[in-house]
Amino acid sequence: MAFGWYATLRGHALFVPIPTCEKRPIMNDLLSSRSFELPRTTDNKGDGAAANFWAPVLKRTGAVVVALAVWSTAAIAGESLDALSTRMRISVMSAGIKHGDFSSLVALPVKGYKDGMAGFMRQFHLSPNPEYSFTDCGDDILVTDTGYKPGCRVSIKLASKNDDGSFRDRGVRLEYGIAPGSKRFQPNNSAYAEHAISGDGLLEAQFN
């Protein structure tokens, strides 16, 4: 799909996506040209006529967009654990945890904080304790009402970082999980993660 037509309609620029194909020399000629003038409506209906002229084109364009969205969603829904791990940057989070770096944890939701868990840790001067925090992916990772399910998890033990580089445990663990095809992390049998996502203030209360 390429945004190949450039046209003017009553002085306004408009891009229309059309498929390119080597077997259609006329279309390729159009794509290679800088612009062309669309036929103007000559009746007295004004803008309404222009809208009627473009309605079929925009309708077909919308159908293509919807089809691509459905295809993309279906592809994600059938993804492997390796693909899920790559998409959600689990290895990056693991490296961040290992070095006590919270900046890699922005994907973990905490309501009221723009950068999620990273923003929360920054606000309260916390770090993940690398000795007791971890990431994992597998077939029996997610805890559900119907048993264990495949997915990835990120388990964070919150700590304060001392001047000498050591960590002081703060007694709070949050665990998030995500299943193949999902777009957001959810609490994984973790009350503190539930408080973090709901934004009820109970998580903050542990550090005030």
C-alpha atoms as a PDB file:
ATOM      1  CA  MET A   1       0.000   0.000   0.000  1.00  0.00           C
ATOM      2  CA  ALA A   2       1.417   3.377  -0.947  1.00  0.00           C
ATOM      3  CA  PHE A   3       0.153   6.912  -0.594  1.00  0.00           C
ATOM      4  CA  GLY A   4       0.635   7.497  -4.269  1.00  0.00           C
ATOM      5  CA  TRP A   5      -2.005   9.971  -5.494  1.00  0.00           C
ATOM      6  CA  TYR A   6      -1.547  13.611  -4.763  1.00  0.00           C
ATOM      7  CA  ALA A   7      -4.474  15.769  -5.860  1.00  0.00           C
ATOM      8  CA  THR A   8      -6.099  19.101  -5.171  1.00  0.00           C
ATOM      9  CA  LEU A   9      -9.731  19.532  -4.278  1.00  0.00           C
ATOM     10  CA  ARG A  10     -10.884  23.117  -3.899  1.00  0.00           C
ATOM     11  CA  GLY A  11      -7.374  24.183  -2.975  1.00  0.00           C
ATOM     12  CA  HIS A  12      -6.771  21.445  -0.359  1.00  0.00           C
ATOM     13  CA  ALA A  13      -4.127  18.740  -0.662  1.00  0.00           C
ATOM     14  CA  LEU A  14      -5.339  15.164  -0.405  1.00  0.00           C
ATOM     15  CA  PHE A  15      -3.461  11.870  -0.285  1.00  0.00           C
ATOM     16  CA  VAL A  16      -5.306   8.717  -1.309  1.00  0.00           C
ATOM     17  CA  PRO A  17      -3.712   5.281  -0.618  1.00  0.00           C
ATOM     18  CA  ILE A  18      -3.704   2.960  -3.626  1.00  0.00           C
ATOM     19  CA  PRO A  19      -1.921  -0.381  -4.212  1.00  0.00           C
ATOM     20  CA  THR A  20       1.070  -0.372  -6.503  1.00  0.00           C
ATOM     21  CA  CYS A  21       1.671  -3.127  -9.057  1.00  0.00           C
ATOM     22  CA  GLU A  22       4.357  -3.601 -11.698  1.00  0.00           C
ATOM     23  CA  LYS A  23       1.769  -4.939 -14.159  1.00  0.00           C
ATOM     24  CA  ARG A  24      -0.148  -1.658 -14.187  1.00  0.00           C
ATOM     25  CA  PRO A  25       1.996   0.848 -16.132  1.00  0.00           C
ATOM     26  CA  ILE A  26      -0.736   3.490 -16.109  1.00  0.00           C
ATOM     27  CA  MET A  27      -0.895   3.485 -12.316  1.00  0.00           C
ATOM     28  CA  ASN A  28       2.893   3.562 -12.086  1.00  0.00           C
ATOM     29  CA  ASP A  29       2.892   6.580 -14.408  1.00  0.00           C
ATOM     30  CA  LEU A  30       0.448   8.296 -12.078  1.00  0.00           C
ATOM     31  CA  LEU A  31       2.607   7.501  -9.078  1.00  0.00           C
ATOM     32  CA  SER A  32       5.710   8.848 -10.789  1.00  0.00           C
ATOM     33  CA  SER A  33       4.062  12.158 -11.632  1.00  0.00           C
ATOM     34  CA  ARG A  34       4.105  14.908  -9.061  1.00  0.00           C
ATOM     35  CA  SER A  35       0.441  15.814  -9.210  1.00  0.00           C
ATOM     36  CA  PHE A  36      -2.606  15.894 -11.354  1.00  0.00           C
ATOM     37  CA  GLU A  37      -5.816  17.885 -11.228  1.00  0.00           C
ATOM     38  CA  LEU A  38      -8.998  16.020 -10.416  1.00  0.00           C
ATOM     39  CA  PRO A  39     -12.053  16.918 -12.464  1.00  0.00           C
ATOM     40  CA  ARG A  40     -14.067  19.573 -10.686  1.00  0.00           C
ATOM     41  CA  THR A  41     -17.798  19.251 -10.323  1.00  0.00           C
ATOM     42  CA  THR A  42     -19.650  21.732 -12.457  1.00  0.00           C
ATOM     43  CA  ASP A  43     -23.136  21.558 -11.009  1.00  0.00           C
ATOM     44  CA  ASN A  44     -24.530  23.970  -8.447  1.00  0.00           C
ATOM     45  CA  LYS A  45     -24.388  21.608  -5.484  1.00  0.00           C
ATOM     46  CA  GLY A  46     -21.070  22.984  -4.281  1.00  0.00           C
ATOM     47  CA  ASP A  47     -19.300  21.106  -1.529  1.00  0.00           C
ATOM     48  CA  GLY A  48     -22.038  18.475  -1.431  1.00  0.00           C
ATOM     49  CA  ALA A  49     -21.127  17.372  -4.944  1.00  0.00           C
ATOM     50  CA  ALA A  50     -17.460  17.158  -3.996  1.00  0.00           C
ATOM     51  CA  ALA A  51     -18.386  15.012  -1.002  1.00  0.00           C
ATOM     52  CA  ASN A  52     -20.430  12.704  -3.242  1.00  0.00           C
ATOM     53  CA  PHE A  53     -17.495  12.460  -5.651  1.00  0.00           C
ATOM     54  CA  TRP A  54     -15.075  11.311  -2.899  1.00  0.00           C
ATOM     55  CA  ALA A  55     -17.484   9.136  -0.866  1.00  0.00           C
ATOM     56  CA  PRO A  56     -16.814   5.865  -2.798  1.00  0.00           C
ATOM     57  CA  VAL A  57     -13.046   6.410  -2.642  1.00  0.00           C
ATOM     58  CA  LEU A  58     -13.048   7.096   1.103  1.00  0.00           C
ATOM     59  CA  LYS A  59     -15.366   4.136   1.701  1.00  0.00           C
ATOM     60  CA  ARG A  60     -12.967   1.771  -0.074  1.00  0.00           C
ATOM     61  CA  THR A  61     -10.001   3.274   1.792  1.00  0.00           C
ATOM     62  CA  GLY A  62     -11.757   2.739   5.124  1.00  0.00           C
ATOM     63  CA  ALA A  63     -12.455  -0.885   4.231  1.00  0.00           C
ATOM     64  CA  VAL A  64      -8.759  -1.465   3.535  1.00  0.00           C
ATOM     65  CA  VAL A  65      -7.787   0.087   6.887  1.00  0.00           C
ATOM     66  CA  VAL A  66     -10.299  -2.088   8.748  1.00  0.00           C
ATOM     67  CA  ALA A  67      -9.051  -5.214   6.961  1.00  0.00           C
ATOM     68  CA  LEU A  68      -5.453  -4.450   7.896  1.00  0.00           C
ATOM     69  CA  ALA A  69      -6.449  -3.861  11.525  1.00  0.00           C
ATOM     70  CA  VAL A  70      -8.284  -7.204  11.689  1.00  0.00           C
ATOM     71  CA  TRP A  71      -5.299  -9.002  10.139  1.00  0.00           C
ATOM     72  CA  SER A  72      -2.896  -7.375  12.615  1.00  0.00           C
ATOM     73  CA  THR A  73      -5.074  -8.313  15.602  1.00  0.00           C
ATOM     74  CA  ALA A  74      -5.361 -11.917  14.405  1.00  0.00           C
ATOM     75  CA  ALA A  75      -1.590 -12.140  13.985  1.00  0.00           C
ATOM     76  CA  ILE A  76      -0.980 -10.918  17.544  1.00  0.00           C
ATOM     77  CA  ALA A  77      -3.606 -13.265  18.987  1.00  0.00           C
ATOM     78  CA  GLY A  78      -1.729 -16.302  17.662  1.00  0.00           C
ATOM     79  CA  GLU A  79       1.755 -15.169  18.694  1.00  0.00           C
ATOM     80  CA  SER A  80       4.284 -17.418  20.372  1.00  0.00           C
ATOM     81  CA  LEU A  81       5.809 -16.777  23.780  1.00  0.00           C
ATOM     82  CA  ASP A  82       9.048 -15.730  22.100  1.00  0.00           C
ATOM     83  CA  ALA A  83       7.167 -13.197  19.988  1.00  0.00           C
ATOM     84  CA  LEU A  84       5.298 -11.953  23.060  1.00  0.00           C
ATOM     85  CA  SER A  85       8.563 -11.562  24.962  1.00  0.00           C
ATOM     86  CA  THR A  86      10.083  -9.590  22.097  1.00  0.00           C
ATOM     87  CA  ARG A  87       7.031  -7.366  21.609  1.00  0.00           C
ATOM     88  CA  MET A  88       6.772  -6.480  25.299  1.00  0.00           C
ATOM     89  CA  ARG A  89      10.562  -6.098  25.687  1.00  0.00           C
ATOM     90  CA  ILE A  90      10.780  -8.602  28.532  1.00  0.00           C
ATOM     91  CA  SER A  91      14.554  -9.001  28.098  1.00  0.00           C
ATOM     92  CA  VAL A  92      14.985  -5.223  28.378  1.00  0.00           C
ATOM     93  CA  MET A  93      13.021  -5.235  31.625  1.00  0.00           C
ATOM     94  CA  SER A  94      15.119  -8.124  32.902  1.00  0.00           C
ATOM     95  CA  ALA A  95      18.325  -6.200  32.207  1.00  0.00           C
ATOM     96  CA  GLY A  96      16.911  -3.131  33.935  1.00  0.00           C
ATOM     97  CA  ILE A  97      15.977  -5.141  37.009  1.00  0.00           C
ATOM     98  CA  LYS A  98      19.431  -6.719  37.122  1.00  0.00           C
ATOM     99  CA  HIS A  99      21.033  -3.278  37.297  1.00  0.00           C
ATOM    100  CA  GLY A 100      18.423  -1.760  39.615  1.00  0.00           C
ATOM    101  CA  ASP A 101      17.190   0.498  36.798  1.00  0.00           C
ATOM    102  CA  PHE A 102      13.481   1.354  36.807  1.00  0.00           C
ATOM    103  CA  SER A 103      13.403   3.221  33.463  1.00  0.00           C
ATOM    104  CA  SER A 104      12.717  -0.015  31.561  1.00  0.00           C
ATOM    105  CA  LEU A 105       9.467  -0.615  33.478  1.00  0.00           C
ATOM    106  CA  VAL A 106       7.311   2.028  31.796  1.00  0.00           C
ATOM    107  CA  ALA A 107       4.972  -0.644  30.354  1.00  0.00           C
ATOM    108  CA  LEU A 108       3.861  -1.728  33.836  1.00  0.00           C
ATOM    109  CA  PRO A 109       0.716   0.318  34.548  1.00  0.00           C
ATOM    110  CA  VAL A 110       0.318   2.443  37.670  1.00  0.00           C
ATOM    111  CA  LYS A 111      -2.678   4.747  37.483  1.00  0.00           C
ATOM    112  CA  GLY A 112      -1.869   8.422  37.823  1.00  0.00           C
ATOM    113  CA  TYR A 113       1.742   8.129  36.644  1.00  0.00           C
ATOM    114  CA  LYS A 114       2.621   9.008  33.074  1.00  0.00           C
ATOM    115  CA  ASP A 115       5.519   6.526  32.896  1.00  0.00           C
ATOM    116  CA  GLY A 116       3.757   3.756  34.809  1.00  0.00           C
ATOM    117  CA  MET A 117       5.946   1.876  37.272  1.00  0.00           C
ATOM    118  CA  ALA A 118       8.981   3.933  36.236  1.00  0.00           C
ATOM    119  CA  GLY A 119       7.151   7.143  37.134  1.00  0.00           C
ATOM    120  CA  PHE A 120       5.960   5.702  40.437  1.00  0.00           C
ATOM    121  CA  MET A 121       9.463   4.593  41.430  1.00  0.00           C
ATOM    122  CA  ARG A 122      10.870   7.968  40.490  1.00  0.00           C
ATOM    123  CA  GLN A 123       8.241   9.728  42.608  1.00  0.00           C
ATOM    124  CA  PHE A 124       9.006   7.683  45.731  1.00  0.00           C
ATOM    125  CA  HIS A 125      12.753   7.167  45.176  1.00  0.00           C
ATOM    126  CA  LEU A 126      12.412   3.402  44.790  1.00  0.00           C
ATOM    127  CA  SER A 127      14.196   0.763  42.726  1.00  0.00           C
ATOM    128  CA  PRO A 128      13.562  -2.886  41.881  1.00  0.00           C
ATOM    129  CA  ASN A 129      15.608  -5.082  44.178  1.00  0.00           C
ATOM    130  CA  PRO A 130      17.638  -7.112  41.652  1.00  0.00           C
ATOM    131  CA  GLU A 131      18.108 -10.023  44.045  1.00  0.00           C
ATOM    132  CA  TYR A 132      14.383 -10.627  44.485  1.00  0.00           C
ATOM    133  CA  SER A 133      12.878  -9.278  41.254  1.00  0.00           C
ATOM    134  CA  PHE A 134      12.640 -11.233  37.999  1.00  0.00           C
ATOM    135  CA  THR A 135      10.938 -11.796  34.650  1.00  0.00           C
ATOM    136  CA  ASP A 136       9.776 -15.097  33.225  1.00  0.00           C
ATOM    137  CA  CYS A 137       7.842 -16.564  30.283  1.00  0.00           C
ATOM    138  CA  GLY A 138       6.354 -20.041  30.083  1.00  0.00           C
ATOM    139  CA  ASP A 139       3.314 -22.271  29.697  1.00  0.00           C
ATOM    140  CA  ASP A 140       2.185 -22.066  33.341  1.00  0.00           C
ATOM    141  CA  ILE A 141       3.030 -18.484  34.274  1.00  0.00           C
ATOM    142  CA  LEU A 142      -0.304 -16.684  34.550  1.00  0.00           C
ATOM    143  CA  VAL A 143      -2.605 -17.420  37.481  1.00  0.00           C
ATOM    144  CA  THR A 144      -6.284 -17.455  36.448  1.00  0.00           C
ATOM    145  CA  ASP A 145      -9.569 -18.658  37.902  1.00  0.00           C
ATOM    146  CA  THR A 146      -9.378 -21.725  35.668  1.00  0.00           C
ATOM    147  CA  GLY A 147      -5.755 -22.601  36.361  1.00  0.00           C
ATOM    148  CA  TYR A 148      -2.334 -21.659  35.040  1.00  0.00           C
ATOM    149  CA  LYS A 149      -2.037 -20.186  31.527  1.00  0.00           C
ATOM    150  CA  PRO A 150       0.884 -19.372  29.195  1.00  0.00           C
ATOM    151  CA  GLY A 151       2.342 -15.888  29.166  1.00  0.00           C
ATOM    152  CA  CYS A 152       5.059 -13.656  30.578  1.00  0.00           C
ATOM    153  CA  ARG A 153       5.363 -12.056  33.987  1.00  0.00           C
ATOM    154  CA  VAL A 154       7.356  -9.298  35.627  1.00  0.00           C
ATOM    155  CA  SER A 155       7.747  -9.549  39.404  1.00  0.00           C
ATOM    156  CA  ILE A 156       9.090  -6.475  41.199  1.00  0.00           C
ATOM    157  CA  LYS A 157      10.274  -6.341  44.819  1.00  0.00           C
ATOM    158  CA  LEU A 158      10.438  -2.662  45.720  1.00  0.00           C
ATOM    159  CA  ALA A 159      13.449  -1.339  47.595  1.00  0.00           C
ATOM    160  CA  SER A 160      15.238   1.868  48.452  1.00  0.00           C
ATOM    161  CA  LYS A 161      18.733   2.225  47.064  1.00  0.00           C
ATOM    162  CA  ASN A 162      21.347   3.231  49.620  1.00  0.00           C
ATOM    163  CA  ASP A 163      24.287   5.528  48.951  1.00  0.00           C
ATOM    164  CA  ASP A 164      26.664   2.567  48.935  1.00  0.00           C
ATOM    165  CA  GLY A 165      24.655   0.873  46.169  1.00  0.00           C
ATOM    166  CA  SER A 166      22.957  -1.685  48.396  1.00  0.00           C
ATOM    167  CA  PHE A 167      19.181  -2.105  48.555  1.00  0.00           C
ATOM    168  CA  ARG A 168      16.852  -1.793  51.540  1.00  0.00           C
ATOM    169  CA  ASP A 169      13.736  -3.925  51.116  1.00  0.00           C
ATOM    170  CA  ARG A 170      10.421  -2.064  51.515  1.00  0.00           C
ATOM    171  CA  GLY A 171       8.191  -5.109  51.939  1.00  0.00           C
ATOM    172  CA  VAL A 172       6.118  -4.646  48.759  1.00  0.00           C
ATOM    173  CA  ARG A 173       6.022  -6.947  45.742  1.00  0.00           C
ATOM    174  CA  LEU A 174       4.048  -6.292  42.572  1.00  0.00           C
ATOM    175  CA  GLU A 175       3.638  -8.921  39.891  1.00  0.00           C
ATOM    176  CA  TYR A 176       2.251  -8.249  36.430  1.00  0.00           C
ATOM    177  CA  GLY A 177       1.450 -10.763  33.712  1.00  0.00           C
ATOM    178  CA  ILE A 178       0.527 -10.658  30.044  1.00  0.00           C
ATOM    179  CA  ALA A 179      -0.889 -13.361  27.763  1.00  0.00           C
ATOM    180  CA  PRO A 180      -0.134 -13.891  24.057  1.00  0.00           C
ATOM    181  CA  GLY A 181      -2.245 -11.475  22.032  1.00  0.00           C
ATOM    182  CA  SER A 182      -2.814  -9.078  24.926  1.00  0.00           C
ATOM    183  CA  LYS A 183      -1.707  -5.461  24.737  1.00  0.00           C
ATOM    184  CA  ARG A 184      -1.445  -4.540  28.414  1.00  0.00           C
ATOM    185  CA  PHE A 185      -0.015  -6.060  31.560  1.00  0.00           C
ATOM    186  CA  GLN A 186      -2.504  -7.113  34.224  1.00  0.00           C
ATOM    187  CA  PRO A 187      -2.078  -8.094  37.897  1.00  0.00           C
ATOM    188  CA  ASN A 188      -0.845 -11.665  38.207  1.00  0.00           C
ATOM    189  CA  ASN A 189      -2.232 -12.855  41.526  1.00  0.00           C
ATOM    190  CA  SER A 190      -0.865  -9.649  43.080  1.00  0.00           C
ATOM    191  CA  ALA A 191      -2.899  -7.419  45.384  1.00  0.00           C
ATOM    192  CA  TYR A 192      -0.407  -4.563  45.163  1.00  0.00           C
ATOM    193  CA  ALA A 193      -0.501  -4.655  41.352  1.00  0.00           C
ATOM    194  CA  GLU A 194      -4.298  -4.448  41.571  1.00  0.00           C
ATOM    195  CA  HIS A 195      -3.988  -1.365  43.809  1.00  0.00           C
ATOM    196  CA  ALA A 196      -1.476   0.132  41.371  1.00  0.00           C
ATOM    197  CA  ILE A 197      -3.821  -0.247  38.408  1.00  0.00           C
ATOM    198  CA  SER A 198      -6.954   0.867  40.258  1.00  0.00           C
ATOM    199  CA  GLY A 199      -5.254   3.972  41.643  1.00  0.00           C
ATOM    200  CA  ASP A 200      -6.969   3.674  45.030  1.00  0.00           C
ATOM    201  CA  GLY A 201      -3.936   5.105  46.862  1.00  0.00           C
ATOM    202  CA  LEU A 202      -3.140   2.020  48.954  1.00  0.00           C
ATOM    203  CA  LEU A 203       0.149   1.421  47.145  1.00  0.00           C
ATOM    204  CA  GLU A 204       1.290   5.006  47.747  1.00  0.00           C
ATOM    205  CA  ALA A 205       0.293   4.697  51.394  1.00  0.00           C
ATOM    206  CA  GLN A 206       3.050   2.136  51.923  1.00  0.00           C
ATOM    207  CA  PHE A 207       5.696   4.803  51.214  1.00  0.00           C
ATOM    208  CA  ASN A 208       4.236   7.995  52.666  1.00  0.00           C
END
